[in-house]
Protein backbone atom coordinates (compact mmCIF):
# COMPACT_ATOMS: atom_id res chain seq x y z
CA UNK A 1 0.00 0.00 0.00
CA UNK A 2 1.34 3.42 -0.93
CA UNK A 3 2.04 6.01 1.70
CA UNK A 4 -0.94 8.37 2.04
CA UNK A 5 -3.21 6.09 0.02
CA UNK A 6 -5.62 5.78 2.94
CA UNK A 7 -6.58 9.46 2.84
CA UNK A 8 -6.75 9.74 -0.94
CA UNK A 9 -10.13 10.68 -2.34
CA UNK A 10 -11.71 8.27 -4.79
CA UNK A 11 -14.00 9.05 -7.72
CA UNK A 12 -16.08 6.98 -10.12
CA UNK A 13 -14.73 6.45 -13.61
CA UNK A 14 -17.01 8.20 -16.10
CA UNK A 15 -16.98 5.15 -18.40
CA UNK A 16 -17.31 2.08 -16.17
CA UNK A 17 -18.19 3.54 -12.74
CA UNK A 18 -15.29 1.78 -10.96
CA UNK A 19 -13.82 3.60 -7.94
CA UNK A 20 -10.36 4.96 -8.73
CA UNK A 21 -8.00 7.45 -7.03
CA UNK A 22 -8.78 11.10 -7.87
CA UNK A 23 -5.31 11.78 -9.28
CA UNK A 24 -5.31 8.67 -11.47
CA UNK A 25 -4.84 9.29 -15.19
CA UNK A 26 -5.88 5.78 -16.31
CA UNK A 27 -8.72 3.62 -15.02
CA UNK A 28 -7.40 0.20 -14.01
CA UNK A 29 -10.75 -1.50 -14.70
CA UNK A 30 -11.58 -0.33 -18.23
CA UNK A 31 -8.29 1.27 -19.31
CA UNK A 32 -9.74 4.63 -20.37
CA UNK A 33 -7.16 7.42 -20.48
CA UNK A 34 -9.19 10.22 -18.86
CA UNK A 35 -11.50 8.87 -16.15
CA UNK A 36 -12.35 12.42 -15.03
CA UNK A 37 -12.85 15.18 -17.61
CA UNK A 38 -10.28 17.99 -17.50
CA UNK A 39 -13.06 20.57 -17.03
CA UNK A 40 -14.11 18.84 -13.80
CA UNK A 41 -10.53 18.83 -12.51
CA UNK A 42 -10.17 22.55 -13.24
CA UNK A 43 -13.52 23.28 -11.57
CA UNK A 44 -12.51 21.27 -8.49
CA UNK A 45 -9.19 23.13 -8.26
CA UNK A 46 -10.96 26.53 -8.47
CA UNK A 47 -13.41 25.51 -5.74
CA UNK A 48 -10.63 24.28 -3.44
CA UNK A 49 -8.56 27.43 -4.01
CA UNK A 50 -11.55 29.66 -3.27
CA UNK A 51 -12.36 27.68 -0.12
CA UNK A 52 -8.75 28.03 1.03
CA UNK A 53 -8.79 31.80 0.50
CA UNK A 54 -12.10 32.12 2.37
CA UNK A 55 -10.67 30.05 5.24
CA UNK A 56 -7.57 32.22 5.52
CA UNK A 57 -9.62 35.43 5.41
CA UNK A 58 -11.95 34.10 8.10
CA UNK A 59 -9.00 33.35 10.39
CA UNK A 60 -7.57 36.84 9.76
CA UNK A 61 -10.97 38.38 10.56
CA UNK A 62 -11.25 36.44 13.82
CA UNK A 63 -7.69 37.28 14.89
CA UNK A 64 -8.19 40.95 14.01
CA UNK A 65 -11.37 41.08 16.08
CA UNK A 66 -9.67 39.43 19.05
CA UNK A 67 -6.64 41.73 18.94
CA UNK A 68 -8.76 44.88 18.56
CA UNK A 69 -10.92 43.78 21.50
CA UNK A 70 -7.80 43.21 23.62
CA UNK A 71 -6.55 46.74 22.76
CA UNK A 72 -9.84 48.30 23.89
CA UNK A 73 -9.63 46.75 27.36
C-alpha atoms as a PDB file:
ATOM      1  CA  UNK A   1       0.000   0.000   0.000  1.00  0.00           C
ATOM      2  CA  UNK A   2       1.339   3.425  -0.934  1.00  0.00           C
ATOM      3  CA  UNK A   3       2.037   6.007   1.704  1.00  0.00           C
ATOM      4  CA  UNK A   4      -0.939   8.366   2.039  1.00  0.00           C
ATOM      5  CA  UNK A   5      -3.212   6.089   0.020  1.00  0.00           C
ATOM      6  CA  UNK A   6      -5.624   5.780   2.938  1.00  0.00           C
ATOM      7  CA  UNK A   7      -6.583   9.460   2.842  1.00  0.00           C
ATOM      8  CA  UNK A   8      -6.747   9.741  -0.942  1.00  0.00           C
ATOM      9  CA  UNK A   9     -10.132  10.680  -2.340  1.00  0.00           C
ATOM     10  CA  UNK A  10     -11.713   8.271  -4.789  1.00  0.00           C
ATOM     11  CA  UNK A  11     -14.005   9.046  -7.718  1.00  0.00           C
ATOM     12  CA  UNK A  12     -16.081   6.979 -10.117  1.00  0.00           C
ATOM     13  CA  UNK A  13     -14.727   6.451 -13.615  1.00  0.00           C
ATOM     14  CA  UNK A  14     -17.007   8.203 -16.100  1.00  0.00           C
ATOM     15  CA  UNK A  15     -16.984   5.151 -18.405  1.00  0.00           C
ATOM     16  CA  UNK A  16     -17.310   2.083 -16.167  1.00  0.00           C
ATOM     17  CA  UNK A  17     -18.187   3.536 -12.736  1.00  0.00           C
ATOM     18  CA  UNK A  18     -15.287   1.780 -10.962  1.00  0.00           C
ATOM     19  CA  UNK A  19     -13.824   3.604  -7.938  1.00  0.00           C
ATOM     20  CA  UNK A  20     -10.356   4.956  -8.734  1.00  0.00           C
ATOM     21  CA  UNK A  21      -8.001   7.446  -7.031  1.00  0.00           C
ATOM     22  CA  UNK A  22      -8.782  11.096  -7.871  1.00  0.00           C
ATOM     23  CA  UNK A  23      -5.306  11.784  -9.280  1.00  0.00           C
ATOM     24  CA  UNK A  24      -5.312   8.666 -11.470  1.00  0.00           C
ATOM     25  CA  UNK A  25      -4.839   9.287 -15.195  1.00  0.00           C
ATOM     26  CA  UNK A  26      -5.877   5.784 -16.309  1.00  0.00           C
ATOM     27  CA  UNK A  27      -8.724   3.622 -15.016  1.00  0.00           C
ATOM     28  CA  UNK A  28      -7.400   0.200 -14.013  1.00  0.00           C
ATOM     29  CA  UNK A  29     -10.746  -1.498 -14.695  1.00  0.00           C
ATOM     30  CA  UNK A  30     -11.579  -0.330 -18.227  1.00  0.00           C
ATOM     31  CA  UNK A  31      -8.288   1.273 -19.309  1.00  0.00           C
ATOM     32  CA  UNK A  32      -9.743   4.626 -20.370  1.00  0.00           C
ATOM     33  CA  UNK A  33      -7.162   7.425 -20.483  1.00  0.00           C
ATOM     34  CA  UNK A  34      -9.191  10.216 -18.863  1.00  0.00           C
ATOM     35  CA  UNK A  35     -11.498   8.866 -16.147  1.00  0.00           C
ATOM     36  CA  UNK A  36     -12.351  12.423 -15.028  1.00  0.00           C
ATOM     37  CA  UNK A  37     -12.850  15.179 -17.606  1.00  0.00           C
ATOM     38  CA  UNK A  38     -10.282  17.992 -17.500  1.00  0.00           C
ATOM     39  CA  UNK A  39     -13.055  20.572 -17.034  1.00  0.00           C
ATOM     40  CA  UNK A  40     -14.109  18.845 -13.803  1.00  0.00           C
ATOM     41  CA  UNK A  41     -10.529  18.827 -12.512  1.00  0.00           C
ATOM     42  CA  UNK A  42     -10.174  22.549 -13.241  1.00  0.00           C
ATOM     43  CA  UNK A  43     -13.516  23.277 -11.573  1.00  0.00           C
ATOM     44  CA  UNK A  44     -12.506  21.272  -8.493  1.00  0.00           C
ATOM     45  CA  UNK A  45      -9.191  23.130  -8.259  1.00  0.00           C
ATOM     46  CA  UNK A  46     -10.956  26.528  -8.469  1.00  0.00           C
ATOM     47  CA  UNK A  47     -13.414  25.511  -5.744  1.00  0.00           C
ATOM     48  CA  UNK A  48     -10.633  24.276  -3.439  1.00  0.00           C
ATOM     49  CA  UNK A  49      -8.558  27.427  -4.010  1.00  0.00           C
ATOM     50  CA  UNK A  50     -11.551  29.659  -3.271  1.00  0.00           C
ATOM     51  CA  UNK A  51     -12.359  27.676  -0.125  1.00  0.00           C
ATOM     52  CA  UNK A  52      -8.751  28.028   1.031  1.00  0.00           C
ATOM     53  CA  UNK A  53      -8.792  31.798   0.499  1.00  0.00           C
ATOM     54  CA  UNK A  54     -12.098  32.125   2.371  1.00  0.00           C
ATOM     55  CA  UNK A  55     -10.675  30.047   5.237  1.00  0.00           C
ATOM     56  CA  UNK A  56      -7.570  32.223   5.524  1.00  0.00           C
ATOM     57  CA  UNK A  57      -9.617  35.434   5.407  1.00  0.00           C
ATOM     58  CA  UNK A  58     -11.950  34.099   8.105  1.00  0.00           C
ATOM     59  CA  UNK A  59      -8.999  33.347  10.386  1.00  0.00           C
ATOM     60  CA  UNK A  60      -7.574  36.842   9.762  1.00  0.00           C
ATOM     61  CA  UNK A  61     -10.970  38.384  10.563  1.00  0.00           C
ATOM     62  CA  UNK A  62     -11.253  36.438  13.822  1.00  0.00           C
ATOM     63  CA  UNK A  63      -7.687  37.276  14.894  1.00  0.00           C
ATOM     64  CA  UNK A  64      -8.191  40.952  14.007  1.00  0.00           C
ATOM     65  CA  UNK A  65     -11.369  41.079  16.076  1.00  0.00           C
ATOM     66  CA  UNK A  66      -9.675  39.431  19.053  1.00  0.00           C
ATOM     67  CA  UNK A  67      -6.643  41.730  18.935  1.00  0.00           C
ATOM     68  CA  UNK A  68      -8.759  44.883  18.564  1.00  0.00           C
ATOM     69  CA  UNK A  69     -10.923  43.783  21.495  1.00  0.00           C
ATOM     70  CA  UNK A  70      -7.804  43.215  23.620  1.00  0.00           C
ATOM     71  CA  UNK A  71      -6.546  46.742  22.761  1.00  0.00           C
ATOM     72  CA  UNK A  72      -9.839  48.298  23.889  1.00  0.00           C
ATOM     73  CA  UNK A  73      -9.626  46.751  27.356  1.00  0.00           C
END
